[in-house]
Amino acid sequence: MKSETSAGRLTFRVINNSLAFLGGDLVSQFIKFFAVLWIVQSLSKETYGQFSFIYVYLSFFELFVQFGSNSVLTREISQHPSDRARILGNAILFRLLLCLLVIPLSYGLIRISGYPLSVQQGVLLASFQLFLTLQTIWEIFYRVELKIIYPTLWNIVRAGLSLSFVLAAVYVRASLFSFILAYLASGFLSFAGFLVFTGRKVALDFRPDRPFLIRLVSQSFPLLVSAFLTLLFYRTDVFMLSKMKGFQEVGYYSVATRLTEALEIISTSILVSLFPLLAQSFKNDRSGFDAAV
């Protein structure tokens, strides 16, 4: 009876966690939709195409900064909770190093690719958003604890701030760079608030752990390659359009794909709750894991 009660409570936590993630993301996407709507209405078709292209271009570099490590880190913390401070601290150092390497690389490549100066400058400015990928490392703690509601709420705060700054940019001066600054300001403000909120809950150990870093890189690299090929499959058309038809067509295309790709959140909301539990079960209860899968 006791095990059935525990199983029931765990099932409730999984469902509650998944629904919190799904509901929070839907709210965030709803708010972001209005921010994008204002941007679309405020910029010319050509300039909005450049705005969309910049973030598509940087999505590849964001992928390299994340290095496919989120799943590996989730598994490591789920299976070794006593080493959580060391794992998170080393992951933060590794990602910071990648940010410092990738930002100049992203600018260097766009400079030699023949794109307009406004796109090059926009990439340089927007590339600082890569530092915001650090937040996902702290979020792993909440994923493992099945408390995803907390980072979800902060993402809603970020979306609200983004809408506010976008409206301010529209009122002051609607331009490519003002909207990029609006995104950066909302991102870093919400990230700072999230760190203050999380600081006392998550201890960090920044002493380098070479064996762990080697294991993290070797196990994350195949995931990085897989994610890169998937993103290349979905985003090659944007680069082709920018060269063949111009940025106006990129703008039209980006608006259409934004709506369809939002549906991926349904499967992600389930995975975000189940994966930490499966990782724990694989290490602590292999027979139960085999029976479950």
Protein backbone atom coordinates (compact mmCIF):
# COMPACT_ATOMS: atom_id res chain seq x y z
CA MET A 1 0.00 0.00 0.00
CA LYS A 2 2.83 2.34 0.88
CA SER A 3 4.56 1.78 -2.46
CA GLU A 4 1.29 2.37 -4.30
CA THR A 5 0.85 5.65 -2.43
CA SER A 6 4.40 6.72 -3.29
CA ALA A 7 3.86 5.78 -6.91
CA GLY A 8 0.64 7.78 -6.96
CA ARG A 9 2.36 10.82 -5.52
CA LEU A 10 5.18 10.51 -8.05
CA THR A 11 2.70 10.23 -10.91
CA PHE A 12 0.92 13.34 -9.65
CA ARG A 13 4.23 15.23 -9.49
CA VAL A 14 5.13 14.20 -13.02
CA ILE A 15 1.74 15.25 -14.40
CA ASN A 16 1.77 18.48 -12.40
CA ASN A 17 5.32 19.28 -13.50
CA SER A 18 4.54 18.60 -17.17
CA LEU A 19 1.37 20.69 -17.09
CA ALA A 20 3.21 23.55 -15.37
CA PHE A 21 5.87 23.51 -18.07
CA LEU A 22 3.32 23.27 -20.88
CA GLY A 23 1.03 25.95 -19.44
CA GLY A 24 3.88 28.31 -18.68
CA ASP A 25 5.35 27.96 -22.14
CA LEU A 26 1.96 28.58 -23.74
CA VAL A 27 1.63 31.80 -21.74
CA SER A 28 5.18 32.84 -22.72
CA GLN A 29 4.54 32.09 -26.39
CA PHE A 30 1.29 34.05 -26.26
CA ILE A 31 3.09 37.10 -24.88
CA LYS A 32 5.95 36.70 -27.36
CA PHE A 33 3.43 36.56 -30.18
CA PHE A 34 2.30 40.10 -29.41
CA ALA A 35 5.91 41.28 -29.16
CA VAL A 36 6.64 39.83 -32.60
CA LEU A 37 3.42 41.34 -33.92
CA TRP A 38 4.56 44.82 -32.88
CA ILE A 39 7.99 44.23 -34.41
CA VAL A 40 6.47 43.07 -37.70
CA GLN A 41 4.20 46.11 -37.85
CA SER A 42 6.97 48.54 -36.94
CA LEU A 43 9.71 47.39 -39.31
CA SER A 44 9.75 47.29 -43.07
CA LYS A 45 9.46 43.86 -44.68
CA GLU A 46 13.14 43.95 -45.60
CA THR A 47 14.29 44.96 -42.11
CA TYR A 48 12.08 42.39 -40.38
CA GLY A 49 13.57 39.75 -42.67
CA GLN A 50 17.03 40.82 -41.48
CA PHE A 51 15.86 40.69 -37.86
CA SER A 52 14.57 37.12 -38.32
CA PHE A 53 17.67 36.04 -40.21
CA ILE A 54 19.97 37.24 -37.42
CA TYR A 55 18.30 35.02 -34.85
CA VAL A 56 18.15 32.03 -37.19
CA TYR A 57 21.85 32.48 -37.89
CA LEU A 58 22.68 32.71 -34.18
CA SER A 59 20.60 29.62 -33.37
CA PHE A 60 23.43 27.51 -34.84
CA PHE A 61 25.96 29.11 -32.52
CA GLU A 62 23.62 28.80 -29.57
CA LEU A 63 23.57 25.10 -30.35
CA PHE A 64 27.36 24.94 -30.19
CA VAL A 65 27.39 26.83 -26.87
CA GLN A 66 24.93 24.37 -25.37
CA PHE A 67 27.02 21.57 -26.89
CA GLY A 68 24.26 19.00 -26.43
CA SER A 69 25.17 18.93 -22.74
CA ASN A 70 21.78 19.63 -21.12
CA SER A 71 20.62 16.02 -21.34
CA VAL A 72 23.96 14.69 -20.10
CA LEU A 73 23.96 17.14 -17.18
CA THR A 74 20.39 16.17 -16.28
CA ARG A 75 21.39 12.52 -16.22
CA GLU A 76 24.55 13.18 -14.19
CA ILE A 77 22.74 15.20 -11.53
CA SER A 78 19.87 12.68 -11.37
CA GLN A 79 22.28 9.81 -10.82
CA HIS A 80 24.82 11.64 -8.63
CA PRO A 81 22.90 14.20 -6.55
CA SER A 82 25.71 14.48 -3.98
CA ASP A 83 28.02 15.82 -6.71
CA ARG A 84 25.53 18.42 -7.91
CA ALA A 85 27.60 21.47 -6.91
CA ARG A 86 30.68 20.18 -8.73
CA ILE A 87 28.73 19.17 -11.85
CA LEU A 88 26.92 22.50 -12.17
CA GLY A 89 30.01 24.58 -11.41
CA ASN A 90 32.11 22.85 -14.06
CA ALA A 91 29.26 23.01 -16.58
CA ILE A 92 29.02 26.78 -16.09
CA LEU A 93 32.77 27.23 -16.62
CA PHE A 94 32.65 25.08 -19.76
CA ARG A 95 29.75 27.02 -21.22
CA LEU A 96 31.33 30.38 -20.42
CA LEU A 97 34.44 29.29 -22.30
CA LEU A 98 32.32 28.26 -25.29
CA CYS A 99 30.55 31.64 -25.27
CA LEU A 100 33.87 33.49 -25.36
CA LEU A 101 35.00 31.36 -28.31
CA VAL A 102 31.76 31.32 -30.30
CA ILE A 103 30.80 35.03 -30.17
CA PRO A 104 33.84 36.26 -32.19
CA LEU A 105 33.44 33.24 -34.49
CA SER A 106 29.82 34.11 -35.27
CA TYR A 107 30.80 37.68 -36.16
CA GLY A 108 33.80 36.61 -38.20
CA LEU A 109 31.79 34.21 -40.34
CA ILE A 110 28.99 36.68 -41.05
CA ARG A 111 31.56 39.30 -42.12
CA ILE A 112 33.03 37.06 -44.81
CA SER A 113 29.61 35.79 -46.00
CA GLY A 114 28.71 38.85 -48.04
CA TYR A 115 25.70 39.99 -46.00
CA PRO A 116 24.84 43.71 -45.55
CA LEU A 117 26.59 45.75 -42.87
CA SER A 118 23.35 46.11 -40.88
CA VAL A 119 23.09 42.31 -40.62
CA GLN A 120 26.74 42.04 -39.56
CA GLN A 121 26.27 44.66 -36.84
CA GLY A 122 23.02 43.06 -35.75
CA VAL A 123 24.72 39.68 -35.38
CA LEU A 124 27.51 41.22 -33.29
CA LEU A 125 25.01 42.89 -30.96
CA ALA A 126 22.58 39.97 -30.70
CA SER A 127 25.37 37.43 -30.15
CA PHE A 128 25.61 38.53 -26.52
CA GLN A 129 22.37 36.62 -25.98
CA LEU A 130 24.52 33.46 -26.06
CA PHE A 131 25.45 34.19 -22.44
CA LEU A 132 21.78 33.68 -21.58
CA THR A 133 22.15 29.96 -22.33
CA LEU A 134 23.83 29.77 -18.93
CA GLN A 135 20.38 29.94 -17.36
CA THR A 136 19.52 26.46 -18.63
CA ILE A 137 22.28 25.01 -16.44
CA TRP A 138 20.62 26.34 -13.29
CA GLU A 139 17.25 25.18 -14.64
CA ILE A 140 18.53 21.59 -14.66
CA PHE A 141 18.41 21.63 -10.86
CA TYR A 142 14.68 22.34 -10.97
CA ARG A 143 14.11 19.74 -13.67
CA VAL A 144 15.68 17.02 -11.57
CA GLU A 145 13.68 18.12 -8.52
CA LEU A 146 10.47 18.18 -10.63
CA LYS A 147 10.03 21.86 -9.78
CA ILE A 148 10.09 23.24 -13.30
CA ILE A 149 7.38 25.71 -12.31
CA TYR A 150 10.03 28.12 -10.96
CA PRO A 151 12.11 28.62 -14.14
CA THR A 152 8.84 28.54 -16.10
CA LEU A 153 7.56 31.52 -14.13
CA TRP A 154 10.81 33.38 -14.75
CA ASN A 155 10.46 32.69 -18.47
CA ILE A 156 7.02 34.30 -18.31
CA VAL A 157 8.62 37.30 -16.58
CA ARG A 158 11.17 37.44 -19.39
CA ALA A 159 8.43 37.37 -22.02
CA GLY A 160 6.57 40.17 -20.22
CA LEU A 161 9.72 42.28 -19.99
CA SER A 162 10.43 41.62 -23.65
CA LEU A 163 6.99 42.86 -24.65
CA SER A 164 7.42 45.96 -22.48
CA PHE A 165 10.82 46.82 -23.96
CA VAL A 166 9.57 46.18 -27.49
CA LEU A 167 6.68 48.59 -26.92
CA ALA A 168 9.15 51.12 -25.51
CA ALA A 169 11.34 50.70 -28.59
CA VAL A 170 8.32 51.23 -30.84
CA TYR A 171 7.49 54.44 -28.98
CA VAL A 172 11.05 55.80 -28.91
CA ARG A 173 12.55 54.55 -32.16
CA ALA A 174 11.52 51.41 -33.99
CA SER A 175 14.63 49.99 -35.64
CA LEU A 176 16.51 46.73 -36.09
CA PHE A 177 18.99 47.53 -33.33
CA SER A 178 16.45 48.90 -30.85
CA PHE A 179 14.48 45.63 -30.97
CA ILE A 180 17.66 43.58 -30.53
CA LEU A 181 18.50 45.72 -27.50
CA ALA A 182 14.96 45.17 -26.19
CA TYR A 183 15.46 41.39 -26.37
CA LEU A 184 18.87 41.62 -24.70
CA ALA A 185 17.63 43.89 -21.89
CA SER A 186 14.67 41.66 -21.06
CA GLY A 187 16.83 38.54 -21.20
CA PHE A 188 19.59 39.77 -18.91
CA LEU A 189 17.19 41.38 -16.43
CA SER A 190 15.15 38.21 -16.04
CA PHE A 191 18.36 36.14 -15.86
CA ALA A 192 19.66 38.36 -13.05
CA GLY A 193 16.38 37.95 -11.17
CA PHE A 194 16.48 34.20 -11.68
CA LEU A 195 20.03 34.03 -10.28
CA VAL A 196 19.03 36.00 -7.19
CA PHE A 197 16.05 33.69 -6.69
CA THR A 198 18.10 30.53 -7.22
CA GLY A 199 21.36 31.56 -5.55
CA ARG A 200 20.63 30.20 -2.10
CA LYS A 201 19.07 26.99 -3.37
CA VAL A 202 21.90 25.79 -5.60
CA ALA A 203 25.45 25.49 -4.31
CA LEU A 204 28.24 25.66 -6.89
CA ASP A 205 31.77 24.26 -6.87
CA PHE A 206 33.94 25.85 -9.58
CA ARG A 207 37.04 23.74 -8.95
CA PRO A 208 37.90 22.17 -12.31
CA ASP A 209 37.16 18.46 -12.55
CA ARG A 210 39.06 17.19 -15.60
CA PRO A 211 37.64 13.62 -15.68
CA PHE A 212 34.09 14.98 -15.53
CA LEU A 213 34.74 17.58 -18.25
CA ILE A 214 36.24 14.93 -20.54
CA ARG A 215 33.22 12.71 -19.95
CA LEU A 216 30.85 15.63 -20.53
CA VAL A 217 32.47 16.55 -23.85
CA SER A 218 32.73 12.97 -25.13
CA GLN A 219 29.13 12.10 -24.27
CA SER A 220 27.64 15.43 -25.37
CA PHE A 221 29.39 15.62 -28.73
CA PRO A 222 27.19 13.01 -30.50
CA LEU A 223 24.10 14.88 -29.26
CA LEU A 224 25.57 18.12 -30.60
CA VAL A 225 26.13 16.58 -34.04
CA SER A 226 22.60 15.17 -34.12
CA ALA A 227 21.06 18.50 -33.06
CA PHE A 228 23.18 20.42 -35.57
CA LEU A 229 22.12 18.20 -38.48
CA THR A 230 18.47 18.52 -37.43
CA LEU A 231 18.71 22.31 -37.19
CA LEU A 232 20.53 22.43 -40.55
CA PHE A 233 17.68 20.45 -42.10
CA TYR A 234 15.07 22.88 -40.75
CA ARG A 235 17.00 26.13 -41.34
CA THR A 236 18.89 25.71 -44.61
CA ASP A 237 15.90 27.16 -46.45
CA VAL A 238 16.29 30.48 -44.60
CA PHE A 239 19.87 30.89 -45.86
CA MET A 240 18.80 29.88 -49.37
CA LEU A 241 15.96 32.43 -49.33
CA SER A 242 18.26 35.20 -48.10
CA LYS A 243 20.59 34.65 -51.05
CA MET A 244 18.04 33.79 -53.75
CA LYS A 245 15.08 36.06 -52.93
CA GLY A 246 16.23 38.58 -50.33
CA PHE A 247 15.28 39.37 -46.76
CA GLN A 248 11.68 40.28 -47.54
CA GLU A 249 10.93 36.64 -48.35
CA VAL A 250 12.80 35.58 -45.21
CA GLY A 251 10.42 37.73 -43.18
CA TYR A 252 7.31 36.14 -44.70
CA TYR A 253 8.71 32.67 -44.21
CA SER A 254 9.73 33.28 -40.57
CA VAL A 255 6.23 34.40 -39.57
CA ALA A 256 4.71 31.21 -41.01
CA THR A 257 7.21 28.78 -39.46
CA ARG A 258 7.02 30.44 -36.03
CA LEU A 259 3.40 29.32 -35.69
CA THR A 260 3.90 25.68 -36.73
CA GLU A 261 7.07 25.04 -34.73
CA ALA A 262 5.39 26.14 -31.48
CA LEU A 263 3.61 22.75 -31.35
CA GLU A 264 6.86 20.97 -30.41
CA ILE A 265 6.36 22.10 -26.83
CA ILE A 266 3.80 19.33 -26.19
CA SER A 267 6.33 16.50 -26.46
CA THR A 268 9.00 18.53 -24.66
CA SER A 269 6.72 19.10 -21.64
CA ILE A 270 6.43 15.35 -21.12
CA LEU A 271 10.12 14.62 -21.64
CA VAL A 272 11.25 17.31 -19.21
CA SER A 273 9.57 15.43 -16.34
CA LEU A 274 10.22 11.82 -17.35
CA PHE A 275 13.89 11.98 -18.31
CA PRO A 276 15.31 12.74 -14.81
CA LEU A 277 13.21 9.91 -13.35
CA LEU A 278 14.33 7.46 -16.02
CA ALA A 279 17.96 8.42 -15.41
CA GLN A 280 17.58 7.79 -11.68
CA SER A 281 15.81 4.49 -12.29
CA PHE A 282 18.52 3.33 -14.72
CA LYS A 283 21.16 3.72 -11.99
CA ASN A 284 19.25 2.73 -8.86
CA ASP A 285 16.63 0.24 -10.09
CA ARG A 286 17.74 -1.35 -13.36
CA SER A 287 15.10 -4.08 -13.27
CA GLY A 288 12.39 -1.49 -12.70
CA PHE A 289 13.82 0.60 -15.55
CA ASP A 290 13.78 -2.36 -17.93
CA ALA A 291 10.20 -3.12 -16.97
CA ALA A 292 9.12 0.50 -17.45
CA VAL A 293 10.61 0.91 -20.92
